[in-house]
Amino acid sequence: MATYRTPNVYVEEISVFPPSVAEVETAIPAFIGFTEKAMETAKDDLLKKPMRIRSMKEYEQYFGGPEPAEISVKADDAGDGFTVELTMPELKYVLHYCMQMYFANGGGPCYVVSVGAYNAPVSDTVLLEGLTAIRSEDEPTLLVVPDAVNLTPAAKYSTIVQAMLTQCGELGDRFSIFDIRRGTKLLNSGEWNGSRERFGNDYLKYGAAYYPFLTSALNYHITSDQDGVPGENVNITHPVSDTNATEVKLTSLKSSKTGLYNAVLAKLDTQFVVLPPSAAVAGIYARTDKERGVWKAPANASLNRVIAPAVKIDDEIQGGMNVDPTSGKSINAIRSFMGKGNLVWGARTLAGNDNEWRYVPVRRLFNMVEESVKKSTYWAVFEPNDANTWTKVRGMIENYLVQKWREGALAGATPKEAFFVRCGLGTTMDSQDILEGRMNVEIGMAAVRPAEFIILKFSHMLQTS
């Protein structure tokens, strides 16, 4: 209160509106992996440093293109046509292709941490360094490490996924999306047990796993020679060369054997990259959050630029993935349905038998509300710990949760049924709390849960007329 000594007219502005909760972003993934380069202004100046990007063009500007893997072709131009046999490489570094899938499926702003170039070995040590680098960034809400599926032995993959879950659990503001190793084959019961064991037993509610891999609509990267002729990384074996060389580059056939050259390129257009699904699923998360909200399950959503899942899953197979009585860890399926396309067909966290944290949207909704309320309550630190402050804090949070209830994030016919906010002496605090400077706020929410099983019951009716 100001002290007035001189006669005059004084103006005081009185604040009558309560503070409000500013909602945090919910779908800002952090991708960690190997890139062609990591340069903003100087060589390797972005190595193991998080970089925020908004498009595929920005990614290629800072991190370059895909891995130029060597492609082997056995071809023959004898007779009336061409015989072309391809041997496609096993990609060691998949981050560039995965980023394409992320943006194609609705992804927006994200972070990228490059942990090494394409000539570096895929090791758990450098991936852990990337995780450490992203830990200090506050904005990311999702962790995705698609290159981790190429770690050998499997114990190294376990190290990465458990480190991701630990970071999510300790920070409480992010969620991990995982791939299942060997996702190009149909796993037996023993292999499923091994896959689940790799996730450990801690912080399972902070992650979700997806299976199988996806046959994307992306072709393998074809490099060009100095003259811009495509095919520098495509090797053609004898007898297509006039010089009888055992092997030539495809580019060398551009002028001498145009027909064969075009036939090989046409054949290469039919070869598609098989990728782990985590990046495409991260795009689904972002798209669902933008169109519906974080409380909507990122499932029953179609995948773009996907030809088919690498493994066909039926109801019986998915039943064992979705509900596992032994470990309690659920794996979400990606399935292809006639007339519907390729759909994400699961929305469970790894804590699939946990009634509180079984579903991905429930965990992520609480992440969003917790982080939003936490950041919006900083103004109250060192404020008087009295009824006036308690009322302001309570009103701020209630106003925010009423809005979430109206948007459909909370269940209940009235706000009273949807949530509660408590803060006050005798309810959440006693005199000792006041003396020790603690202000306790209790918040409860009735989060909506997805209708995972829809049961239609039919019966006969007796004729009445």
Protein backbone atom coordinates (compact mmCIF):
# COMPACT_ATOMS: atom_id res chain seq x y z
CA MET A 1 0.00 0.00 0.00
CA ALA A 2 1.47 3.33 -1.07
CA THR A 3 1.81 6.19 1.42
CA TYR A 4 0.40 9.52 0.20
CA ARG A 5 1.86 12.76 1.52
CA THR A 6 1.15 15.35 -1.16
CA PRO A 7 -2.43 16.42 -1.99
CA ASN A 8 -3.21 15.17 -5.49
CA VAL A 9 -5.25 12.67 -7.45
CA TYR A 10 -3.68 9.20 -7.58
CA VAL A 11 -4.55 6.25 -9.82
CA GLU A 12 -4.26 2.65 -8.69
CA GLU A 13 -5.00 -0.32 -10.96
CA ILE A 14 -6.53 -3.22 -9.09
CA SER A 15 -6.07 -6.74 -10.41
CA VAL A 16 -9.39 -8.60 -10.26
CA PHE A 17 -8.77 -11.54 -12.58
CA PRO A 18 -7.17 -14.67 -11.16
CA PRO A 19 -4.00 -16.12 -12.73
CA SER A 20 -4.54 -18.73 -15.43
CA VAL A 21 -2.93 -22.01 -16.46
CA ALA A 22 -1.01 -21.88 -19.73
CA GLU A 23 -1.16 -25.32 -21.31
CA VAL A 24 2.10 -26.94 -22.42
CA GLU A 25 2.59 -28.68 -25.75
CA THR A 26 1.83 -32.39 -25.71
CA ALA A 27 3.42 -33.84 -28.86
CA ILE A 28 7.00 -32.60 -29.22
CA PRO A 29 9.08 -35.72 -29.93
CA ALA A 30 12.83 -35.95 -29.48
CA PHE A 31 14.47 -38.23 -32.06
CA ILE A 32 17.90 -39.64 -31.24
CA GLY A 33 20.05 -41.41 -33.80
CA PHE A 34 22.73 -41.29 -36.49
CA THR A 35 22.78 -38.74 -39.31
CA GLU A 36 24.83 -37.93 -42.39
CA LYS A 37 26.06 -34.73 -40.79
CA ALA A 38 25.37 -32.54 -37.77
CA MET A 39 26.14 -29.01 -38.82
CA GLU A 40 24.54 -25.61 -38.38
CA THR A 41 27.46 -23.29 -39.09
CA ALA A 42 30.55 -25.47 -38.58
CA LYS A 43 31.29 -29.19 -38.92
CA ASP A 44 29.84 -31.28 -36.08
CA ASP A 45 28.66 -28.25 -34.12
CA LEU A 46 25.31 -30.00 -33.62
CA LEU A 47 26.79 -33.36 -32.62
CA LYS A 48 25.02 -34.58 -29.45
CA LYS A 49 23.22 -31.26 -29.18
CA PRO A 50 19.41 -31.07 -29.39
CA MET A 51 18.16 -29.09 -32.39
CA ARG A 52 14.55 -28.01 -32.79
CA ILE A 53 13.19 -28.39 -36.32
CA ARG A 54 9.78 -28.03 -37.95
CA SER A 55 10.02 -29.79 -41.30
CA MET A 56 11.87 -32.40 -43.34
CA LYS A 57 13.59 -29.60 -45.22
CA GLU A 58 15.08 -28.29 -41.98
CA TYR A 59 16.18 -31.79 -41.01
CA GLU A 60 18.08 -32.23 -44.28
CA GLN A 61 19.58 -28.75 -43.95
CA TYR A 62 21.15 -29.56 -40.59
CA PHE A 63 21.48 -33.36 -40.64
CA GLY A 64 21.73 -34.36 -44.30
CA GLY A 65 20.21 -37.24 -46.24
CA PRO A 66 19.71 -40.99 -45.78
CA GLU A 67 22.34 -43.67 -45.58
CA PRO A 68 23.77 -44.35 -49.09
CA ALA A 69 23.71 -48.12 -48.72
CA GLU A 70 25.23 -50.24 -51.48
CA ILE A 71 22.67 -52.05 -53.68
CA SER A 72 23.69 -55.17 -55.62
CA VAL A 73 22.07 -56.04 -58.96
CA LYS A 74 22.46 -59.12 -61.13
CA ALA A 75 21.31 -58.14 -64.59
CA ASP A 76 21.46 -59.53 -68.12
CA ASP A 77 20.45 -57.90 -71.39
CA ALA A 78 20.73 -61.04 -73.54
CA GLY A 79 17.75 -61.97 -75.68
CA ASP A 80 14.58 -59.94 -76.12
CA GLY A 81 14.28 -58.59 -72.58
CA PHE A 82 16.16 -57.81 -69.42
CA THR A 83 16.62 -60.00 -66.37
CA VAL A 84 17.13 -58.01 -63.17
CA GLU A 85 17.68 -59.50 -59.71
CA LEU A 86 18.12 -57.14 -56.76
CA THR A 87 19.79 -57.65 -53.40
CA MET A 88 18.69 -54.82 -51.12
CA PRO A 89 20.93 -53.83 -48.20
CA GLU A 90 20.02 -54.08 -44.53
CA LEU A 91 19.92 -50.48 -43.40
CA LYS A 92 22.07 -49.76 -40.39
CA TYR A 93 20.86 -46.18 -39.90
CA VAL A 94 17.15 -45.47 -40.36
CA LEU A 95 16.58 -42.06 -38.75
CA HIS A 96 16.25 -40.12 -42.04
CA TYR A 97 13.60 -42.49 -43.39
CA CYS A 98 11.82 -42.47 -40.01
CA MET A 99 11.70 -38.67 -40.00
CA GLN A 100 9.95 -38.81 -43.37
CA MET A 101 7.36 -41.14 -41.86
CA TYR A 102 6.92 -38.84 -38.87
CA PHE A 103 6.14 -35.76 -40.92
CA ALA A 104 4.00 -37.74 -43.39
CA ASN A 105 1.75 -38.90 -40.55
CA GLY A 106 1.02 -35.49 -39.09
CA GLY A 107 4.17 -34.67 -37.16
CA GLY A 108 5.11 -31.07 -36.40
CA PRO A 109 7.89 -29.41 -34.41
CA CYS A 110 10.36 -31.84 -32.88
CA TYR A 111 13.92 -32.17 -31.61
CA VAL A 112 16.72 -34.15 -33.23
CA VAL A 113 19.89 -35.27 -31.46
CA SER A 114 22.60 -36.60 -33.77
CA VAL A 115 24.93 -38.97 -31.93
CA GLY A 116 27.25 -39.76 -34.82
CA ALA A 117 27.78 -40.05 -38.57
CA TYR A 118 26.96 -43.03 -40.78
CA ASN A 119 30.44 -44.47 -40.43
CA ALA A 120 30.09 -44.71 -36.64
CA PRO A 121 29.14 -48.01 -34.98
CA VAL A 122 25.63 -48.23 -33.55
CA SER A 123 26.38 -48.46 -29.85
CA ASP A 124 24.35 -48.03 -26.70
CA THR A 125 27.00 -45.71 -25.28
CA VAL A 126 26.49 -42.91 -27.82
CA LEU A 127 22.70 -43.32 -27.77
CA LEU A 128 22.79 -42.91 -23.99
CA GLU A 129 24.79 -39.72 -24.49
CA GLY A 130 22.01 -38.47 -26.76
CA LEU A 131 19.44 -39.27 -24.07
CA THR A 132 21.50 -37.34 -21.55
CA ALA A 133 21.62 -34.36 -23.91
CA ILE A 134 17.83 -34.25 -24.38
CA ARG A 135 17.21 -34.57 -20.64
CA SER A 136 18.12 -30.90 -20.11
CA GLU A 137 15.55 -29.74 -22.67
CA ASP A 138 12.20 -28.92 -21.09
CA GLU A 139 9.95 -28.88 -24.17
CA PRO A 140 10.11 -32.50 -25.48
CA THR A 141 7.21 -34.71 -24.43
CA LEU A 142 8.01 -37.88 -26.42
CA LEU A 143 11.21 -39.93 -26.77
CA VAL A 144 11.88 -41.93 -29.95
CA VAL A 145 15.10 -43.84 -30.75
CA PRO A 146 14.46 -45.89 -33.93
CA ASP A 147 18.15 -46.72 -34.52
CA ALA A 148 18.18 -48.67 -31.25
CA VAL A 149 16.59 -51.71 -32.94
CA ASN A 150 19.93 -52.35 -34.66
CA LEU A 151 21.80 -52.72 -31.39
CA THR A 152 23.35 -56.11 -30.75
CA PRO A 153 23.26 -58.02 -28.53
CA ALA A 154 19.72 -57.57 -27.20
CA ALA A 155 21.07 -56.54 -23.78
CA LYS A 156 22.23 -53.26 -25.29
CA TYR A 157 18.72 -52.58 -26.52
CA SER A 158 17.49 -53.23 -22.98
CA THR A 159 19.92 -50.61 -21.70
CA ILE A 160 18.46 -47.97 -24.01
CA VAL A 161 14.76 -48.65 -23.45
CA GLN A 162 15.17 -48.82 -19.67
CA ALA A 163 17.14 -45.56 -19.73
CA MET A 164 14.31 -43.94 -21.71
CA LEU A 165 11.68 -45.14 -19.22
CA THR A 166 13.81 -43.97 -16.30
CA GLN A 167 14.18 -40.49 -17.75
CA CYS A 168 10.43 -40.27 -18.35
CA GLY A 169 9.66 -41.45 -14.83
CA GLU A 170 12.13 -39.13 -13.12
CA LEU A 171 11.14 -36.03 -15.09
CA GLY A 172 7.43 -36.85 -15.27
CA ASP A 173 6.85 -34.72 -18.36
CA ARG A 174 7.53 -37.13 -21.25
CA PHE A 175 6.55 -40.48 -22.69
CA SER A 176 8.51 -43.09 -24.69
CA ILE A 177 7.51 -44.86 -27.90
CA PHE A 178 9.28 -48.17 -28.49
CA ASP A 179 9.81 -50.66 -31.29
CA ILE A 180 10.04 -54.42 -30.87
CA ARG A 181 13.33 -55.83 -32.12
CA ARG A 182 13.10 -58.32 -34.99
CA GLY A 183 9.82 -56.73 -35.95
CA THR A 184 9.99 -58.11 -39.49
CA LYS A 185 9.17 -61.66 -38.39
CA LEU A 186 6.34 -63.37 -36.56
CA LEU A 187 7.53 -63.94 -33.01
CA ASN A 188 6.81 -67.12 -31.05
CA SER A 189 5.88 -67.20 -27.37
CA GLY A 190 9.47 -67.50 -26.18
CA GLU A 191 10.55 -64.52 -28.28
CA TRP A 192 7.65 -62.47 -26.92
CA ASN A 193 8.77 -63.23 -23.38
CA GLY A 194 12.28 -62.09 -24.27
CA SER A 195 10.97 -58.90 -25.88
CA ARG A 196 8.97 -58.01 -22.78
CA GLU A 197 11.87 -58.74 -20.45
CA ARG A 198 13.97 -56.07 -22.15
CA PHE A 199 11.73 -53.31 -20.79
CA GLY A 200 12.47 -54.16 -17.17
CA ASN A 201 9.88 -53.46 -14.45
CA ASP A 202 10.28 -49.78 -13.59
CA TYR A 203 8.28 -46.81 -14.91
CA LEU A 204 6.32 -49.00 -17.35
CA LYS A 205 3.42 -46.53 -17.36
CA TYR A 206 5.65 -44.01 -19.16
CA GLY A 207 6.09 -46.01 -22.38
CA ALA A 208 4.26 -47.92 -25.11
CA ALA A 209 5.60 -50.45 -27.61
CA TYR A 210 4.40 -51.15 -31.15
CA TYR A 211 4.75 -54.17 -33.45
CA PRO A 212 5.44 -55.09 -36.26
CA PHE A 213 7.72 -53.10 -38.55
CA LEU A 214 6.15 -51.30 -41.50
CA THR A 215 6.73 -51.72 -45.22
CA SER A 216 6.81 -48.05 -46.13
CA ALA A 217 6.14 -46.39 -49.46
CA LEU A 218 9.68 -44.98 -49.41
CA ASN A 219 12.24 -46.19 -51.94
CA TYR A 220 15.88 -46.83 -51.12
CA HIS A 221 18.09 -43.81 -51.58
CA ILE A 222 19.90 -43.76 -54.96
CA THR A 223 22.98 -41.55 -55.14
CA SER A 224 24.25 -39.77 -58.27
CA ASP A 225 27.69 -39.38 -59.81
CA GLN A 226 29.46 -36.08 -60.47
CA ASP A 227 27.40 -35.55 -63.62
CA GLY A 228 24.14 -36.03 -61.73
CA VAL A 229 23.39 -39.48 -63.18
CA PRO A 230 21.51 -41.65 -60.60
CA GLY A 231 22.89 -45.04 -59.65
CA GLU A 232 26.31 -44.44 -58.13
CA ASN A 233 25.54 -46.72 -55.16
CA VAL A 234 24.07 -49.46 -57.39
CA ASN A 235 26.53 -52.19 -58.40
CA ILE A 236 25.86 -54.26 -61.54
CA THR A 237 27.51 -57.65 -61.91
CA HIS A 238 28.79 -59.38 -65.09
CA PRO A 239 27.83 -60.00 -67.94
CA VAL A 240 26.31 -56.56 -68.61
CA SER A 241 29.58 -54.76 -69.27
CA ASP A 242 31.19 -54.61 -72.71
CA THR A 243 34.59 -54.66 -71.00
CA ASN A 244 33.71 -57.97 -69.25
CA ALA A 245 34.33 -56.37 -65.88
CA THR A 246 32.95 -58.38 -62.99
CA GLU A 247 31.20 -55.34 -61.55
CA VAL A 248 30.31 -51.84 -62.76
CA LYS A 249 28.35 -48.92 -61.41
CA LEU A 250 24.83 -48.46 -62.75
CA THR A 251 25.75 -44.93 -63.81
CA SER A 252 28.23 -46.32 -66.36
CA LEU A 253 25.35 -47.96 -68.27
CA LYS A 254 23.47 -44.69 -68.81
CA SER A 255 25.03 -44.05 -72.23
CA SER A 256 25.99 -47.55 -73.41
CA LYS A 257 23.00 -49.64 -72.36
CA THR A 258 20.11 -47.23 -71.86
CA GLY A 259 17.44 -49.93 -71.94
CA LEU A 260 19.05 -51.97 -69.20
CA TYR A 261 19.76 -48.83 -67.21
CA ASN A 262 16.09 -47.84 -67.28
CA ALA A 263 15.02 -51.41 -66.48
CA VAL A 264 17.17 -51.45 -63.35
CA LEU A 265 15.84 -48.06 -62.22
CA ALA A 266 12.28 -49.26 -62.81
CA LYS A 267 12.99 -52.36 -60.74
CA LEU A 268 14.45 -50.26 -57.94
CA ASP A 269 11.21 -48.24 -57.84
CA THR A 270 9.42 -51.40 -56.69
CA GLN A 271 11.69 -51.88 -53.67
CA PHE A 272 10.47 -50.28 -50.44
CA VAL A 273 12.19 -49.66 -47.14
CA VAL A 274 10.98 -51.62 -44.10
CA LEU A 275 11.10 -49.42 -40.99
CA PRO A 276 10.43 -49.63 -37.25
CA PRO A 277 7.02 -48.05 -36.51
CA SER A 278 7.89 -45.68 -33.64
CA ALA A 279 8.41 -42.54 -35.75
CA ALA A 280 5.19 -43.03 -37.74
CA VAL A 281 3.33 -43.63 -34.47
CA ALA A 282 4.82 -40.41 -33.06
CA GLY A 283 3.26 -38.65 -36.04
CA ILE A 284 -0.08 -40.25 -35.16
CA TYR A 285 0.30 -38.94 -31.60
CA ALA A 286 0.91 -35.42 -32.92
CA ARG A 287 -1.98 -35.60 -35.39
CA THR A 288 -4.43 -36.93 -32.81
CA ASP A 289 -3.42 -34.31 -30.24
CA LYS A 290 -3.94 -31.55 -32.78
CA GLU A 291 -7.26 -32.77 -34.16
CA ARG A 292 -8.90 -34.20 -31.02
CA GLY A 293 -6.75 -33.70 -27.93
CA VAL A 294 -4.23 -35.61 -25.85
CA TRP A 295 -7.08 -37.47 -24.10
CA LYS A 296 -8.08 -39.20 -27.37
CA ALA A 297 -6.38 -42.56 -27.81
CA PRO A 298 -3.86 -42.47 -30.70
CA ALA A 299 -5.43 -45.61 -32.14
CA ASN A 300 -7.89 -46.62 -34.87
CA ALA A 301 -5.89 -44.11 -36.91
CA SER A 302 -4.65 -44.76 -40.42
CA LEU A 303 -0.97 -44.66 -41.29
CA ASN A 304 0.19 -42.65 -44.28
CA ARG A 305 2.93 -43.79 -46.67
CA VAL A 306 2.63 -47.36 -45.41
CA ILE A 307 2.03 -50.22 -47.82
CA ALA A 308 1.43 -52.87 -45.17
CA PRO A 309 2.69 -54.14 -41.83
CA ALA A 310 5.69 -56.44 -42.28
CA VAL A 311 3.82 -59.17 -40.35
CA LYS A 312 0.12 -59.92 -40.71
CA ILE A 313 -1.55 -60.05 -37.29
CA ASP A 314 -4.93 -61.63 -36.57
CA ASP A 315 -7.16 -61.47 -33.49
CA GLU A 316 -5.57 -64.50 -31.83
CA ILE A 317 -2.04 -63.13 -32.17
CA GLN A 318 -3.04 -59.69 -30.93
CA GLY A 319 -4.85 -61.19 -27.94
CA GLY A 320 -1.54 -62.49 -26.60
CA MET A 321 0.14 -59.15 -27.33
CA ASN A 322 -2.55 -57.01 -25.73
CA VAL A 323 -3.09 -58.96 -22.51
CA ASP A 324 -0.21 -60.88 -20.96
CA PRO A 325 -1.02 -62.44 -17.56
CA THR A 326 2.62 -63.32 -16.83
CA SER A 327 4.44 -60.00 -17.20
CA GLY A 328 1.48 -57.65 -17.51
CA LYS A 329 3.23 -55.80 -20.33
CA SER A 330 1.09 -54.96 -23.33
CA ILE A 331 2.36 -54.55 -26.89
CA ASN A 332 0.25 -52.51 -29.32
CA ALA A 333 -0.47 -53.98 -32.74
CA ILE A 334 -0.44 -52.34 -36.15
CA ARG A 335 -2.83 -54.17 -38.44
CA SER A 336 -4.17 -54.08 -41.96
CA PHE A 337 -7.94 -54.31 -42.42
CA MET A 338 -9.84 -54.90 -45.62
CA GLY A 339 -11.35 -51.65 -46.85
CA LYS A 340 -9.86 -49.63 -43.96
CA GLY A 341 -6.14 -49.72 -44.61
CA ASN A 342 -3.30 -49.89 -42.11
CA LEU A 343 -4.35 -48.89 -38.62
CA VAL A 344 -2.73 -48.48 -35.22
CA TRP A 345 -4.84 -51.00 -33.30
CA GLY A 346 -3.80 -50.62 -29.68
CA ALA A 347 -3.53 -47.90 -27.04
CA ARG A 348 -2.00 -49.53 -23.98
CA THR A 349 1.10 -48.56 -22.09
CA LEU A 350 3.62 -51.20 -21.10
CA ALA A 351 1.75 -51.32 -17.77
CA GLY A 352 -1.10 -53.09 -19.53
CA ASN A 353 -2.57 -54.70 -16.39
CA ASP A 354 -2.51 -51.50 -14.31
CA ASN A 355 -6.06 -50.17 -13.89
CA GLU A 356 -4.79 -46.63 -13.29
CA TRP A 357 -2.20 -46.32 -16.06
CA ARG A 358 -3.27 -48.95 -18.59
CA TYR A 359 -4.01 -46.51 -21.40
CA VAL A 360 -1.70 -44.17 -23.28
CA PRO A 361 -4.12 -41.17 -23.35
CA VAL A 362 -4.66 -41.33 -19.57
CA ARG A 363 -0.92 -41.21 -18.83
CA ARG A 364 -0.32 -38.42 -21.33
CA LEU A 365 -3.31 -36.38 -20.10
CA PHE A 366 -1.93 -36.45 -16.56
CA ASN A 367 1.51 -35.53 -17.92
CA MET A 368 0.02 -32.48 -19.63
CA VAL A 369 -2.07 -31.31 -16.68
CA GLU A 370 0.71 -31.89 -14.15
CA GLU A 371 3.28 -29.97 -16.18
CA SER A 372 0.87 -27.15 -17.09
CA VAL A 373 -0.28 -26.61 -13.51
CA LYS A 374 3.27 -26.89 -12.17
CA LYS A 375 4.60 -24.18 -14.47
CA SER A 376 1.61 -21.92 -13.93
CA THR A 377 1.92 -22.10 -10.14
CA TYR A 378 5.45 -20.68 -9.91
CA TRP A 379 4.01 -17.23 -9.21
CA ALA A 380 2.81 -18.51 -5.81
CA VAL A 381 6.30 -19.39 -4.58
CA PHE A 382 7.11 -17.07 -1.62
CA GLU A 383 3.59 -15.59 -1.66
CA PRO A 384 1.91 -15.41 1.77
CA ASN A 385 0.78 -18.92 2.71
CA ASP A 386 -2.73 -17.80 3.64
CA ALA A 387 -6.33 -18.14 2.52
CA ASN A 388 -6.01 -15.48 -0.18
CA THR A 389 -3.22 -17.36 -1.96
CA TRP A 390 -4.98 -20.70 -1.50
CA THR A 391 -8.14 -19.31 -3.08
CA LYS A 392 -6.25 -17.92 -6.06
CA VAL A 393 -4.40 -21.18 -6.67
CA ARG A 394 -7.55 -23.24 -6.28
CA GLY A 395 -9.54 -20.97 -8.59
CA MET A 396 -6.79 -20.99 -11.23
CA ILE A 397 -6.67 -24.77 -11.37
CA GLU A 398 -10.45 -25.19 -11.24
CA ASN A 399 -10.95 -22.81 -14.16
CA TYR A 400 -8.45 -24.79 -16.21
CA LEU A 401 -10.01 -28.15 -15.39
CA VAL A 402 -13.50 -26.87 -16.16
CA GLN A 403 -12.26 -26.02 -19.63
CA LYS A 404 -10.75 -29.50 -20.04
CA TRP A 405 -14.07 -31.02 -18.91
CA ARG A 406 -15.95 -28.99 -21.50
CA GLU A 407 -13.52 -30.16 -24.19
CA GLY A 408 -14.23 -33.79 -23.29
CA ALA A 409 -11.03 -34.69 -21.46
CA LEU A 410 -12.76 -35.51 -18.17
CA ALA A 411 -15.70 -37.80 -17.45
CA GLY A 412 -18.73 -36.68 -15.44
CA ALA A 413 -22.08 -34.94 -15.91
CA THR A 414 -20.91 -31.93 -13.89
CA PRO A 415 -17.51 -30.43 -13.02
CA LYS A 416 -17.97 -31.71 -9.48
CA GLU A 417 -18.11 -35.27 -10.81
CA ALA A 418 -15.17 -34.68 -13.17
CA PHE A 419 -12.53 -33.32 -10.79
CA PHE A 420 -11.72 -31.82 -7.41
CA VAL A 421 -9.13 -29.28 -6.27
CA ARG A 422 -8.35 -28.95 -2.56
CA CYS A 423 -6.06 -26.48 -0.86
CA GLY A 424 -6.44 -25.11 2.63
CA LEU A 425 -5.72 -25.38 6.33
CA GLY A 426 -7.48 -28.37 7.80
CA THR A 427 -7.99 -30.04 4.41
CA THR A 428 -4.58 -30.44 2.78
CA MET A 429 -2.39 -28.73 5.40
CA ASP A 430 -1.97 -28.54 9.12
CA SER A 431 -0.22 -25.92 11.22
CA GLN A 432 3.09 -27.74 10.95
CA ASP A 433 2.93 -27.49 7.14
CA ILE A 434 2.39 -23.74 7.44
CA LEU A 435 5.35 -23.37 9.78
CA GLU A 436 7.59 -25.31 7.39
CA GLY A 437 6.50 -23.26 4.39
CA ARG A 438 4.56 -25.97 2.55
CA MET A 439 1.39 -25.33 0.55
CA ASN A 440 -0.23 -28.62 -0.39
CA VAL A 441 -2.64 -28.79 -3.30
CA GLU A 442 -4.57 -31.97 -4.05
CA ILE A 443 -6.06 -32.51 -7.51
CA GLY A 444 -8.19 -35.44 -8.63
CA MET A 445 -9.41 -36.04 -12.17
CA ALA A 446 -11.81 -38.55 -13.70
CA ALA A 447 -9.98 -39.09 -16.98
CA VAL A 448 -11.93 -40.50 -19.90
CA ARG A 449 -10.78 -43.93 -21.01
CA PRO A 450 -10.99 -45.44 -24.48
CA ALA A 451 -13.72 -47.96 -25.32
CA GLU A 452 -11.29 -50.76 -26.09
CA PHE A 453 -13.88 -53.52 -26.18
CA ILE A 454 -17.34 -52.84 -27.60
CA ILE A 455 -19.77 -55.65 -26.79
CA LEU A 456 -23.06 -55.82 -28.71
CA LYS A 457 -25.64 -58.10 -27.10
CA PHE A 458 -28.50 -59.51 -29.16
CA SER A 459 -31.48 -61.58 -28.10
CA HIS A 460 -34.78 -62.86 -29.50
CA MET A 461 -38.06 -61.05 -28.78
CA LEU A 462 -41.36 -62.85 -28.64
CA GLN A 463 -43.94 -61.82 -31.19
CA THR A 464 -46.54 -59.56 -29.59
CA SER A 465 -49.01 -58.94 -32.43
